[in-house]
N, C-alpha and C. Protein backbone atom coordinates (compact mmCIF):
# COMPACT_ATOMS: atom_id res chain seq x y z
N UNK A 1 34.17 53.74 -22.19
CA UNK A 1 34.48 52.82 -21.08
C UNK A 1 33.47 53.03 -19.95
N UNK A 2 32.97 51.96 -19.41
CA UNK A 2 31.98 52.03 -18.34
C UNK A 2 32.68 52.25 -17.01
N UNK A 3 32.31 53.33 -16.32
CA UNK A 3 32.90 53.64 -15.04
C UNK A 3 32.19 52.87 -13.93
N UNK A 4 32.95 52.33 -13.00
CA UNK A 4 32.37 51.62 -11.88
C UNK A 4 31.76 52.61 -10.88
N UNK A 5 30.58 52.29 -10.39
CA UNK A 5 29.95 53.11 -9.35
C UNK A 5 30.65 52.84 -8.02
N UNK A 6 30.83 53.85 -7.21
CA UNK A 6 31.45 53.62 -5.91
C UNK A 6 30.56 52.74 -5.03
N UNK A 7 31.13 51.73 -4.44
CA UNK A 7 30.36 50.82 -3.59
C UNK A 7 30.01 51.50 -2.29
N UNK A 8 28.92 51.02 -1.68
CA UNK A 8 28.51 51.56 -0.39
C UNK A 8 29.53 51.20 0.68
N UNK A 9 29.80 52.15 1.55
CA UNK A 9 30.74 51.96 2.65
C UNK A 9 29.97 51.86 3.96
N UNK A 10 30.59 51.31 5.01
CA UNK A 10 29.88 51.20 6.29
C UNK A 10 29.32 52.53 6.78
N UNK A 11 30.08 53.61 6.61
CA UNK A 11 29.60 54.91 7.08
C UNK A 11 28.39 55.40 6.29
N UNK A 12 28.23 54.90 5.04
CA UNK A 12 27.05 55.25 4.25
C UNK A 12 25.80 54.51 4.75
N UNK A 13 26.01 53.29 5.20
CA UNK A 13 24.90 52.37 5.43
C UNK A 13 24.53 52.22 6.91
N UNK A 14 25.50 52.30 7.81
CA UNK A 14 25.27 51.93 9.21
C UNK A 14 24.11 52.67 9.88
N UNK A 15 23.97 53.99 9.73
CA UNK A 15 22.84 54.65 10.40
C UNK A 15 21.48 54.10 9.96
N UNK A 16 21.29 53.95 8.64
CA UNK A 16 20.02 53.41 8.14
C UNK A 16 19.86 51.95 8.54
N UNK A 17 20.96 51.21 8.55
CA UNK A 17 20.93 49.81 8.93
C UNK A 17 20.45 49.65 10.38
N UNK A 18 20.96 50.49 11.27
CA UNK A 18 20.59 50.42 12.68
C UNK A 18 19.12 50.76 12.88
N UNK A 19 18.67 51.85 12.26
CA UNK A 19 17.27 52.25 12.40
C UNK A 19 16.33 51.18 11.87
N UNK A 20 16.70 50.58 10.75
CA UNK A 20 15.84 49.57 10.14
C UNK A 20 15.77 48.31 10.99
N UNK A 21 16.91 47.87 11.52
CA UNK A 21 16.93 46.69 12.38
C UNK A 21 16.05 46.89 13.60
N UNK A 22 16.12 48.08 14.20
CA UNK A 22 15.29 48.37 15.37
C UNK A 22 13.81 48.38 15.00
N UNK A 23 13.48 48.93 13.84
CA UNK A 23 12.08 48.97 13.40
C UNK A 23 11.55 47.57 13.12
N UNK A 24 12.39 46.71 12.51
CA UNK A 24 11.99 45.32 12.27
C UNK A 24 11.69 44.62 13.60
N UNK A 25 12.58 44.81 14.56
CA UNK A 25 12.40 44.16 15.86
C UNK A 25 11.14 44.63 16.56
N UNK A 26 10.86 45.94 16.49
CA UNK A 26 9.67 46.48 17.13
C UNK A 26 8.40 45.93 16.50
N UNK A 27 8.38 45.85 15.17
CA UNK A 27 7.20 45.32 14.49
C UNK A 27 6.97 43.86 14.84
N UNK A 28 8.03 43.07 14.84
CA UNK A 28 7.90 41.65 15.19
C UNK A 28 7.39 41.48 16.61
N UNK A 29 7.92 42.27 17.53
CA UNK A 29 7.48 42.16 18.93
C UNK A 29 6.00 42.49 19.06
N UNK A 30 5.53 43.49 18.34
CA UNK A 30 4.14 43.89 18.43
C UNK A 30 3.19 42.87 17.79
N UNK A 31 3.64 42.26 16.70
CA UNK A 31 2.74 41.39 15.94
C UNK A 31 2.78 39.93 16.36
N UNK A 32 3.86 39.48 16.96
CA UNK A 32 4.05 38.05 17.21
C UNK A 32 2.85 37.43 17.94
N UNK A 33 2.36 38.08 18.98
CA UNK A 33 1.24 37.53 19.75
C UNK A 33 0.02 38.45 19.72
N UNK A 34 -0.07 39.25 18.71
CA UNK A 34 -1.20 40.18 18.60
C UNK A 34 -2.49 39.38 18.37
N UNK A 35 -3.57 39.69 19.11
CA UNK A 35 -4.81 38.91 18.96
C UNK A 35 -5.44 39.04 17.57
N UNK A 36 -5.12 40.11 16.85
CA UNK A 36 -5.67 40.32 15.51
C UNK A 36 -4.59 40.16 14.43
N UNK A 37 -3.61 39.34 14.73
CA UNK A 37 -2.44 39.20 13.86
C UNK A 37 -2.82 38.92 12.41
N UNK A 38 -3.67 37.95 12.16
CA UNK A 38 -3.99 37.57 10.77
C UNK A 38 -4.73 38.68 10.05
N UNK A 39 -5.63 39.36 10.75
CA UNK A 39 -6.34 40.47 10.14
C UNK A 39 -5.38 41.61 9.82
N UNK A 40 -4.45 41.86 10.75
CA UNK A 40 -3.46 42.91 10.54
C UNK A 40 -2.56 42.57 9.35
N UNK A 41 -2.14 41.32 9.26
CA UNK A 41 -1.28 40.91 8.14
C UNK A 41 -2.02 41.04 6.80
N UNK A 42 -3.30 40.72 6.79
CA UNK A 42 -4.09 40.87 5.56
C UNK A 42 -4.11 42.34 5.14
N UNK A 43 -4.35 43.22 6.10
CA UNK A 43 -4.37 44.66 5.79
C UNK A 43 -2.99 45.13 5.34
N UNK A 44 -1.94 44.62 5.98
CA UNK A 44 -0.57 44.97 5.59
C UNK A 44 -0.29 44.55 4.15
N UNK A 45 -0.75 43.38 3.79
CA UNK A 45 -0.49 42.88 2.44
C UNK A 45 -1.25 43.67 1.38
N UNK A 46 -2.46 44.07 1.72
CA UNK A 46 -3.21 44.93 0.79
C UNK A 46 -2.44 46.22 0.54
N UNK A 47 -1.98 46.84 1.61
CA UNK A 47 -1.27 48.11 1.49
C UNK A 47 0.06 47.92 0.76
N UNK A 48 0.75 46.81 1.04
CA UNK A 48 2.02 46.55 0.36
C UNK A 48 1.80 46.35 -1.13
N UNK A 49 0.76 45.60 -1.50
CA UNK A 49 0.46 45.40 -2.92
C UNK A 49 0.12 46.72 -3.59
N UNK A 50 -0.64 47.58 -2.89
CA UNK A 50 -0.97 48.89 -3.42
C UNK A 50 0.30 49.72 -3.65
N UNK A 51 1.20 49.71 -2.67
CA UNK A 51 2.44 50.47 -2.81
C UNK A 51 3.30 49.96 -3.95
N UNK A 52 3.43 48.65 -4.06
CA UNK A 52 4.24 48.07 -5.14
C UNK A 52 3.65 48.44 -6.50
N UNK A 53 2.33 48.34 -6.62
CA UNK A 53 1.68 48.69 -7.89
C UNK A 53 1.85 50.17 -8.20
N UNK A 54 1.71 51.02 -7.17
CA UNK A 54 1.82 52.47 -7.39
C UNK A 54 3.21 52.85 -7.88
N UNK A 55 4.25 52.28 -7.27
CA UNK A 55 5.63 52.58 -7.68
C UNK A 55 5.87 52.13 -9.12
N UNK A 56 5.18 51.07 -9.53
CA UNK A 56 5.32 50.56 -10.90
C UNK A 56 4.37 51.25 -11.88
N UNK A 57 3.62 52.25 -11.39
CA UNK A 57 2.79 53.05 -12.29
C UNK A 57 1.32 52.70 -12.32
N UNK A 58 0.85 51.88 -11.37
CA UNK A 58 -0.56 51.46 -11.34
C UNK A 58 -1.19 51.88 -10.02
N UNK A 59 -2.15 52.80 -10.09
CA UNK A 59 -2.80 53.30 -8.89
C UNK A 59 -4.11 52.55 -8.66
N UNK A 60 -4.30 52.09 -7.42
CA UNK A 60 -5.47 51.28 -7.10
C UNK A 60 -5.90 51.53 -5.66
N UNK A 61 -7.20 51.49 -5.43
CA UNK A 61 -7.75 51.53 -4.08
C UNK A 61 -7.55 50.15 -3.47
N UNK A 62 -6.88 50.03 -2.30
CA UNK A 62 -6.64 48.70 -1.73
C UNK A 62 -7.92 47.92 -1.42
N UNK A 63 -9.03 48.65 -1.19
CA UNK A 63 -10.27 47.92 -0.91
C UNK A 63 -10.89 47.36 -2.18
N UNK A 64 -10.57 47.95 -3.33
CA UNK A 64 -10.93 47.31 -4.60
C UNK A 64 -10.21 45.98 -4.72
N UNK A 65 -8.95 45.98 -4.33
CA UNK A 65 -8.17 44.75 -4.35
C UNK A 65 -8.74 43.73 -3.37
N UNK A 66 -9.13 44.18 -2.17
CA UNK A 66 -9.70 43.27 -1.18
C UNK A 66 -10.96 42.61 -1.71
N UNK A 67 -11.80 43.39 -2.38
CA UNK A 67 -13.03 42.83 -2.95
C UNK A 67 -12.70 41.77 -4.00
N UNK A 68 -11.70 42.06 -4.84
CA UNK A 68 -11.31 41.11 -5.88
C UNK A 68 -10.77 39.83 -5.27
N UNK A 69 -9.96 39.94 -4.21
CA UNK A 69 -9.39 38.76 -3.55
C UNK A 69 -10.47 37.88 -2.93
N UNK A 70 -11.57 38.51 -2.49
CA UNK A 70 -12.66 37.75 -1.88
C UNK A 70 -13.69 37.27 -2.88
N UNK A 71 -13.40 37.45 -4.16
CA UNK A 71 -14.29 36.96 -5.20
C UNK A 71 -15.47 37.87 -5.50
N UNK A 72 -15.46 39.09 -4.96
CA UNK A 72 -16.53 40.04 -5.23
C UNK A 72 -16.24 40.79 -6.52
N UNK A 73 -17.26 41.32 -7.11
CA UNK A 73 -17.07 42.07 -8.34
C UNK A 73 -16.84 43.54 -7.98
N UNK A 74 -15.63 44.02 -8.15
CA UNK A 74 -15.35 45.41 -7.78
C UNK A 74 -16.04 46.39 -8.72
N UNK A 75 -16.33 47.57 -8.19
CA UNK A 75 -16.94 48.61 -9.00
C UNK A 75 -15.85 49.31 -9.80
N UNK A 76 -15.94 49.23 -11.10
CA UNK A 76 -14.94 49.84 -11.98
C UNK A 76 -15.43 51.23 -12.36
N UNK A 77 -14.63 52.23 -11.99
CA UNK A 77 -15.00 53.61 -12.26
C UNK A 77 -14.30 54.11 -13.52
N UNK A 78 -14.71 55.26 -13.99
CA UNK A 78 -14.09 55.86 -15.17
C UNK A 78 -15.13 56.49 -16.06
N UNK A 79 -14.75 57.56 -16.74
CA UNK A 79 -15.67 58.28 -17.60
C UNK A 79 -15.86 57.62 -18.96
N UNK A 80 -14.89 56.84 -19.39
CA UNK A 80 -14.99 56.22 -20.70
C UNK A 80 -14.29 54.87 -20.66
N UNK A 81 -14.30 54.18 -21.80
CA UNK A 81 -13.75 52.83 -21.87
C UNK A 81 -12.25 52.83 -21.58
N UNK A 82 -11.55 53.91 -21.91
CA UNK A 82 -10.11 53.95 -21.68
C UNK A 82 -9.79 54.07 -20.19
N UNK A 83 -10.53 54.92 -19.48
CA UNK A 83 -10.32 55.06 -18.04
C UNK A 83 -10.70 53.77 -17.32
N UNK A 84 -11.81 53.18 -17.72
CA UNK A 84 -12.23 51.92 -17.08
C UNK A 84 -11.24 50.81 -17.38
N UNK A 85 -10.72 50.78 -18.61
CA UNK A 85 -9.72 49.78 -18.96
C UNK A 85 -8.46 49.96 -18.15
N UNK A 86 -8.06 51.22 -17.91
CA UNK A 86 -6.89 51.50 -17.09
C UNK A 86 -7.08 51.03 -15.66
N UNK A 87 -8.28 51.19 -15.12
CA UNK A 87 -8.54 50.73 -13.75
C UNK A 87 -8.52 49.21 -13.67
N UNK A 88 -9.06 48.56 -14.70
CA UNK A 88 -9.01 47.09 -14.73
C UNK A 88 -7.56 46.61 -14.77
N UNK A 89 -6.74 47.25 -15.59
CA UNK A 89 -5.32 46.87 -15.68
C UNK A 89 -4.62 47.08 -14.34
N UNK A 90 -4.92 48.20 -13.67
CA UNK A 90 -4.30 48.48 -12.38
C UNK A 90 -4.72 47.45 -11.34
N UNK A 91 -5.99 47.08 -11.34
CA UNK A 91 -6.49 46.09 -10.40
C UNK A 91 -5.83 44.73 -10.65
N UNK A 92 -5.71 44.36 -11.90
CA UNK A 92 -5.05 43.09 -12.24
C UNK A 92 -3.59 43.10 -11.79
N UNK A 93 -2.91 44.22 -12.01
CA UNK A 93 -1.51 44.31 -11.62
C UNK A 93 -1.35 44.23 -10.10
N UNK A 94 -2.20 44.93 -9.36
CA UNK A 94 -2.14 44.89 -7.90
C UNK A 94 -2.46 43.49 -7.39
N UNK A 95 -3.39 42.82 -8.03
CA UNK A 95 -3.72 41.44 -7.66
C UNK A 95 -2.49 40.55 -7.80
N UNK A 96 -1.75 40.72 -8.90
CA UNK A 96 -0.54 39.94 -9.11
C UNK A 96 0.52 40.26 -8.04
N UNK A 97 0.62 41.54 -7.65
CA UNK A 97 1.57 41.89 -6.60
C UNK A 97 1.22 41.21 -5.29
N UNK A 98 -0.07 41.12 -5.00
CA UNK A 98 -0.51 40.43 -3.78
C UNK A 98 -0.14 38.96 -3.86
N UNK A 99 -0.32 38.37 -5.03
CA UNK A 99 0.06 36.96 -5.20
C UNK A 99 1.54 36.75 -4.91
N UNK A 100 2.38 37.61 -5.47
CA UNK A 100 3.82 37.46 -5.22
C UNK A 100 4.14 37.50 -3.73
N UNK A 101 3.40 38.33 -2.98
CA UNK A 101 3.68 38.51 -1.57
C UNK A 101 3.08 37.43 -0.68
N UNK A 102 1.91 36.89 -1.08
CA UNK A 102 1.18 36.03 -0.14
C UNK A 102 0.57 34.77 -0.73
N UNK A 103 0.26 34.76 -2.02
CA UNK A 103 -0.42 33.60 -2.61
C UNK A 103 0.22 33.25 -3.95
N UNK A 104 1.48 33.01 -3.96
CA UNK A 104 2.20 32.80 -5.21
C UNK A 104 1.71 31.57 -5.96
N UNK A 105 1.63 31.70 -7.28
CA UNK A 105 1.31 30.57 -8.14
C UNK A 105 2.55 29.69 -8.29
N UNK A 106 2.38 28.56 -8.93
CA UNK A 106 3.52 27.65 -9.13
C UNK A 106 4.64 28.32 -9.92
N UNK A 107 4.27 29.01 -10.99
CA UNK A 107 5.30 29.68 -11.80
C UNK A 107 5.95 30.82 -11.02
N UNK A 108 5.17 31.52 -10.21
CA UNK A 108 5.74 32.58 -9.39
C UNK A 108 6.70 32.02 -8.35
N UNK A 109 6.35 30.89 -7.76
CA UNK A 109 7.24 30.26 -6.77
C UNK A 109 8.58 29.90 -7.39
N UNK A 110 8.57 29.47 -8.64
CA UNK A 110 9.83 29.14 -9.33
C UNK A 110 10.71 30.38 -9.46
N UNK A 111 10.11 31.51 -9.81
CA UNK A 111 10.88 32.75 -9.93
C UNK A 111 11.36 33.24 -8.57
N UNK A 112 10.54 33.07 -7.55
CA UNK A 112 10.93 33.46 -6.20
C UNK A 112 12.13 32.63 -5.74
N UNK A 113 12.12 31.34 -6.06
CA UNK A 113 13.24 30.48 -5.71
C UNK A 113 14.52 30.96 -6.39
N UNK A 114 14.43 31.39 -7.64
CA UNK A 114 15.59 31.93 -8.34
C UNK A 114 16.13 33.17 -7.63
N UNK A 115 15.21 34.04 -7.21
CA UNK A 115 15.61 35.27 -6.53
C UNK A 115 16.26 34.95 -5.18
N UNK A 116 15.73 33.98 -4.47
CA UNK A 116 16.33 33.58 -3.20
C UNK A 116 17.75 33.05 -3.39
N UNK A 117 17.98 32.36 -4.50
CA UNK A 117 19.32 31.86 -4.79
C UNK A 117 20.31 33.01 -4.97
N UNK A 118 19.86 34.07 -5.64
CA UNK A 118 20.71 35.25 -5.83
C UNK A 118 21.08 35.88 -4.50
N UNK A 119 20.18 35.79 -3.52
CA UNK A 119 20.39 36.45 -2.23
C UNK A 119 21.35 35.70 -1.31
N UNK A 120 21.63 34.43 -1.58
CA UNK A 120 22.40 33.61 -0.65
C UNK A 120 23.77 34.20 -0.34
N UNK A 121 24.56 34.49 -1.37
CA UNK A 121 25.93 34.96 -1.14
C UNK A 121 25.98 36.33 -0.46
N UNK A 122 25.23 37.35 -0.94
CA UNK A 122 25.28 38.64 -0.26
C UNK A 122 24.84 38.57 1.20
N UNK A 123 23.79 37.81 1.47
CA UNK A 123 23.29 37.72 2.84
C UNK A 123 24.30 37.03 3.74
N UNK A 124 24.96 35.98 3.23
CA UNK A 124 25.93 35.26 4.04
C UNK A 124 27.16 36.11 4.35
N UNK A 125 27.49 37.04 3.45
CA UNK A 125 28.69 37.87 3.65
C UNK A 125 28.40 39.19 4.36
N UNK A 126 27.23 39.78 4.11
CA UNK A 126 26.95 41.13 4.60
C UNK A 126 25.85 41.18 5.65
N UNK A 127 25.24 40.05 5.97
CA UNK A 127 24.13 40.07 6.91
C UNK A 127 22.80 40.22 6.20
N UNK A 128 21.73 39.99 6.91
CA UNK A 128 20.42 39.90 6.28
C UNK A 128 19.96 41.21 5.64
N UNK A 129 20.15 42.35 6.29
CA UNK A 129 19.61 43.60 5.75
C UNK A 129 20.47 44.16 4.62
N UNK A 130 21.74 44.39 4.89
CA UNK A 130 22.63 44.91 3.85
C UNK A 130 22.73 43.91 2.70
N UNK A 131 22.85 42.63 3.02
CA UNK A 131 22.94 41.61 1.98
C UNK A 131 21.70 41.56 1.12
N UNK A 132 20.52 41.72 1.72
CA UNK A 132 19.28 41.72 0.94
C UNK A 132 19.23 42.90 -0.01
N UNK A 133 19.69 44.06 0.47
CA UNK A 133 19.72 45.24 -0.40
C UNK A 133 20.64 45.02 -1.60
N UNK A 134 21.82 44.48 -1.34
CA UNK A 134 22.77 44.21 -2.43
C UNK A 134 22.20 43.20 -3.42
N UNK A 135 21.56 42.16 -2.89
CA UNK A 135 21.00 41.13 -3.76
C UNK A 135 19.85 41.69 -4.61
N UNK A 136 19.01 42.51 -4.00
CA UNK A 136 17.90 43.12 -4.74
C UNK A 136 18.45 43.98 -5.88
N UNK A 137 19.47 44.76 -5.54
CA UNK A 137 20.07 45.63 -6.55
C UNK A 137 20.71 44.83 -7.69
N UNK A 138 21.38 43.75 -7.33
CA UNK A 138 21.99 42.88 -8.34
C UNK A 138 20.91 42.28 -9.24
N UNK A 139 19.81 41.88 -8.64
CA UNK A 139 18.69 41.29 -9.39
C UNK A 139 18.17 42.27 -10.43
N UNK A 140 18.00 43.52 -10.03
CA UNK A 140 17.51 44.55 -10.94
C UNK A 140 18.55 44.90 -12.00
N UNK A 141 19.81 44.92 -11.62
CA UNK A 141 20.90 45.29 -12.52
C UNK A 141 20.95 44.40 -13.75
N UNK A 142 20.62 43.12 -13.59
CA UNK A 142 20.69 42.20 -14.73
C UNK A 142 19.39 42.18 -15.53
N UNK A 143 18.44 43.05 -15.16
CA UNK A 143 17.24 43.21 -15.97
C UNK A 143 16.03 42.43 -15.51
N UNK A 144 16.07 41.86 -14.31
CA UNK A 144 14.92 41.11 -13.82
C UNK A 144 13.87 42.05 -13.22
N UNK A 145 12.64 41.57 -13.17
CA UNK A 145 11.52 42.37 -12.65
C UNK A 145 11.58 42.45 -11.12
N UNK A 146 10.94 43.46 -10.57
CA UNK A 146 10.97 43.68 -9.13
C UNK A 146 10.12 42.65 -8.37
N UNK A 147 8.98 42.28 -8.93
CA UNK A 147 8.01 41.47 -8.18
C UNK A 147 8.57 40.15 -7.64
N UNK A 148 9.32 39.36 -8.43
CA UNK A 148 9.84 38.11 -7.87
C UNK A 148 10.74 38.32 -6.66
N UNK A 149 11.54 39.38 -6.69
CA UNK A 149 12.43 39.60 -5.54
C UNK A 149 11.64 40.11 -4.34
N UNK A 150 10.58 40.85 -4.57
CA UNK A 150 9.72 41.25 -3.46
C UNK A 150 9.16 40.01 -2.76
N UNK A 151 8.68 39.05 -3.57
CA UNK A 151 8.20 37.81 -2.99
C UNK A 151 9.29 37.05 -2.26
N UNK A 152 10.50 37.10 -2.82
CA UNK A 152 11.62 36.42 -2.17
C UNK A 152 11.97 37.07 -0.83
N UNK A 153 11.91 38.39 -0.78
CA UNK A 153 12.21 39.09 0.47
C UNK A 153 11.29 38.66 1.60
N UNK A 154 10.01 38.59 1.30
CA UNK A 154 9.03 38.20 2.32
C UNK A 154 9.37 36.83 2.90
N UNK A 155 9.79 35.93 2.04
CA UNK A 155 10.16 34.58 2.50
C UNK A 155 11.52 34.58 3.20
N UNK A 156 12.43 35.43 2.70
CA UNK A 156 13.76 35.50 3.29
C UNK A 156 13.69 36.03 4.72
N UNK A 157 12.87 37.07 4.96
CA UNK A 157 12.72 37.59 6.32
C UNK A 157 12.31 36.49 7.29
N UNK A 158 11.37 35.64 6.85
CA UNK A 158 10.91 34.56 7.73
C UNK A 158 11.98 33.47 7.87
N UNK A 159 12.59 33.10 6.76
CA UNK A 159 13.59 32.04 6.78
C UNK A 159 14.76 32.39 7.70
N UNK A 160 15.17 33.65 7.70
CA UNK A 160 16.31 34.08 8.50
C UNK A 160 15.93 34.47 9.92
N UNK A 161 14.65 34.32 10.27
CA UNK A 161 14.20 34.60 11.62
C UNK A 161 14.00 36.07 11.94
N UNK A 162 13.98 36.92 10.91
CA UNK A 162 13.73 38.34 11.14
C UNK A 162 12.30 38.55 11.60
N UNK A 163 11.37 37.90 10.90
CA UNK A 163 9.96 37.93 11.25
C UNK A 163 9.45 36.50 11.42
N UNK A 164 8.41 36.35 12.19
CA UNK A 164 7.85 35.01 12.43
C UNK A 164 6.80 34.62 11.40
N UNK A 165 6.52 35.48 10.46
CA UNK A 165 5.56 35.19 9.41
C UNK A 165 5.96 35.88 8.12
N UNK A 166 5.07 35.81 7.13
CA UNK A 166 5.34 36.44 5.84
C UNK A 166 4.91 37.91 5.90
N UNK A 167 5.78 38.72 6.44
CA UNK A 167 5.50 40.15 6.59
C UNK A 167 5.88 40.87 5.29
N UNK A 168 4.96 41.61 4.70
CA UNK A 168 5.23 42.22 3.38
C UNK A 168 6.01 43.52 3.44
N UNK A 169 7.23 43.43 3.91
CA UNK A 169 8.12 44.60 3.99
C UNK A 169 9.11 44.49 2.83
N UNK A 170 9.00 45.38 1.85
CA UNK A 170 9.83 45.26 0.64
C UNK A 170 10.57 46.54 0.27
N UNK A 171 10.33 47.65 0.98
CA UNK A 171 11.01 48.89 0.62
C UNK A 171 10.64 49.40 -0.75
N UNK A 172 9.37 49.24 -1.13
CA UNK A 172 8.93 49.59 -2.48
C UNK A 172 9.23 51.04 -2.85
N UNK A 173 9.16 51.95 -1.88
CA UNK A 173 9.33 53.37 -2.18
C UNK A 173 10.72 53.70 -2.71
N UNK A 174 11.68 52.83 -2.50
CA UNK A 174 13.04 53.08 -3.00
C UNK A 174 13.12 53.03 -4.53
N UNK A 175 12.03 52.61 -5.19
CA UNK A 175 12.01 52.55 -6.64
C UNK A 175 11.20 53.68 -7.26
N UNK A 176 10.88 54.69 -6.46
CA UNK A 176 10.19 55.84 -7.02
C UNK A 176 11.08 56.58 -8.02
N UNK A 177 10.45 57.23 -8.97
CA UNK A 177 11.19 58.00 -9.95
C UNK A 177 12.05 59.06 -9.30
N UNK A 178 13.24 59.26 -9.81
CA UNK A 178 14.14 60.27 -9.29
C UNK A 178 15.06 59.78 -8.19
N UNK A 179 14.87 58.55 -7.72
CA UNK A 179 15.73 57.99 -6.67
C UNK A 179 17.09 57.62 -7.26
N UNK A 180 18.16 58.02 -6.60
CA UNK A 180 19.50 57.70 -7.09
C UNK A 180 19.73 56.19 -7.08
N UNK A 181 20.31 55.70 -8.17
CA UNK A 181 20.63 54.27 -8.27
C UNK A 181 22.08 54.00 -7.85
N UNK A 182 22.83 55.04 -7.54
CA UNK A 182 24.19 54.88 -7.08
C UNK A 182 24.17 54.04 -5.80
N UNK A 183 25.01 53.02 -5.74
CA UNK A 183 24.91 52.03 -4.66
C UNK A 183 24.97 52.66 -3.27
N UNK A 184 25.90 53.57 -3.07
CA UNK A 184 26.07 54.12 -1.72
C UNK A 184 24.91 55.03 -1.31
N UNK A 185 24.11 55.45 -2.28
CA UNK A 185 22.92 56.24 -1.97
C UNK A 185 21.66 55.37 -1.95
N UNK A 186 21.58 54.42 -2.90
CA UNK A 186 20.34 53.64 -3.00
C UNK A 186 20.16 52.68 -1.82
N UNK A 187 21.22 52.04 -1.38
CA UNK A 187 21.08 51.08 -0.27
C UNK A 187 20.53 51.74 0.99
N UNK A 188 21.06 52.88 1.44
CA UNK A 188 20.43 53.54 2.59
C UNK A 188 18.98 53.96 2.31
N UNK A 189 18.70 54.36 1.06
CA UNK A 189 17.33 54.73 0.70
C UNK A 189 16.40 53.54 0.83
N UNK A 190 16.85 52.39 0.33
CA UNK A 190 16.02 51.18 0.42
C UNK A 190 15.82 50.77 1.88
N UNK A 191 16.89 50.80 2.67
CA UNK A 191 16.77 50.48 4.09
C UNK A 191 15.81 51.46 4.78
N UNK A 192 15.92 52.73 4.42
CA UNK A 192 15.01 53.73 4.99
C UNK A 192 13.57 53.46 4.62
N UNK A 193 13.33 52.99 3.39
CA UNK A 193 11.97 52.67 2.96
C UNK A 193 11.42 51.48 3.76
N UNK A 194 12.26 50.49 4.02
CA UNK A 194 11.84 49.36 4.85
C UNK A 194 11.53 49.83 6.28
N UNK A 195 12.36 50.73 6.78
CA UNK A 195 12.15 51.29 8.12
C UNK A 195 10.80 52.00 8.18
N UNK A 196 10.50 52.82 7.18
CA UNK A 196 9.22 53.54 7.15
C UNK A 196 8.06 52.55 7.07
N UNK A 197 8.19 51.51 6.24
CA UNK A 197 7.15 50.47 6.17
C UNK A 197 6.82 49.95 7.56
N UNK A 198 7.84 49.57 8.31
CA UNK A 198 7.66 49.00 9.64
C UNK A 198 7.06 50.01 10.60
N UNK A 199 7.56 51.22 10.58
CA UNK A 199 7.09 52.25 11.52
C UNK A 199 5.63 52.59 11.30
N UNK A 200 5.25 52.72 10.03
CA UNK A 200 3.84 53.02 9.70
C UNK A 200 2.94 51.89 10.17
N UNK A 201 3.36 50.66 9.94
CA UNK A 201 2.57 49.51 10.35
C UNK A 201 2.47 49.43 11.87
N UNK A 202 3.58 49.67 12.56
CA UNK A 202 3.57 49.64 14.02
C UNK A 202 2.62 50.69 14.59
N UNK A 203 2.67 51.87 14.03
CA UNK A 203 1.83 52.97 14.53
C UNK A 203 0.35 52.76 14.24
N UNK A 204 0.05 51.95 13.22
CA UNK A 204 -1.34 51.73 12.83
C UNK A 204 -1.98 50.53 13.52
N UNK A 205 -1.20 49.78 14.29
CA UNK A 205 -1.76 48.59 14.94
C UNK A 205 -2.84 48.97 15.95
N UNK A 206 -3.96 48.23 15.98
CA UNK A 206 -5.02 48.50 16.95
C UNK A 206 -4.60 48.09 18.35
């Protein structure tokens, strides 16, 4: 018999929820009228794509990705054909992660729309942050890939007025190996990862 996991309670989530909401607000305030906003967002998206790829097992230099996005031929390193092939695969994967976040293809947009539909009920009942965490977890529970929901999150933040643009905050680190999947532990972990995303970006702003 399958045992039900204990659901997250307010006392489990509220501290992380508060910290994350404050971090989101601080980042939005700093970026909304920043003179280098578009350049900063480009750098943010490179780093977000790198993080998403790394958590999924693909390590890439974000500037390799930047070169690829600009149509330049990146330098592929490696001692043999297997290492070079691995770097090509990692670059391709990171490129796809960037697309999900900022330049989605038609087929990707269709999957993002599906993910947004999943998020409607949790967000309406639990609020944007807790509801997004629940929806993301539900999406993964039924066997769907992470990337479409990451793209959906970026759009959801803007749609709900959390951010004024497509800010690539996805809490990717919550999917690192060894992270508890128990709901009452994972949701605060994911919120904490989003908080760290925002704080690092805020501290790095010129």
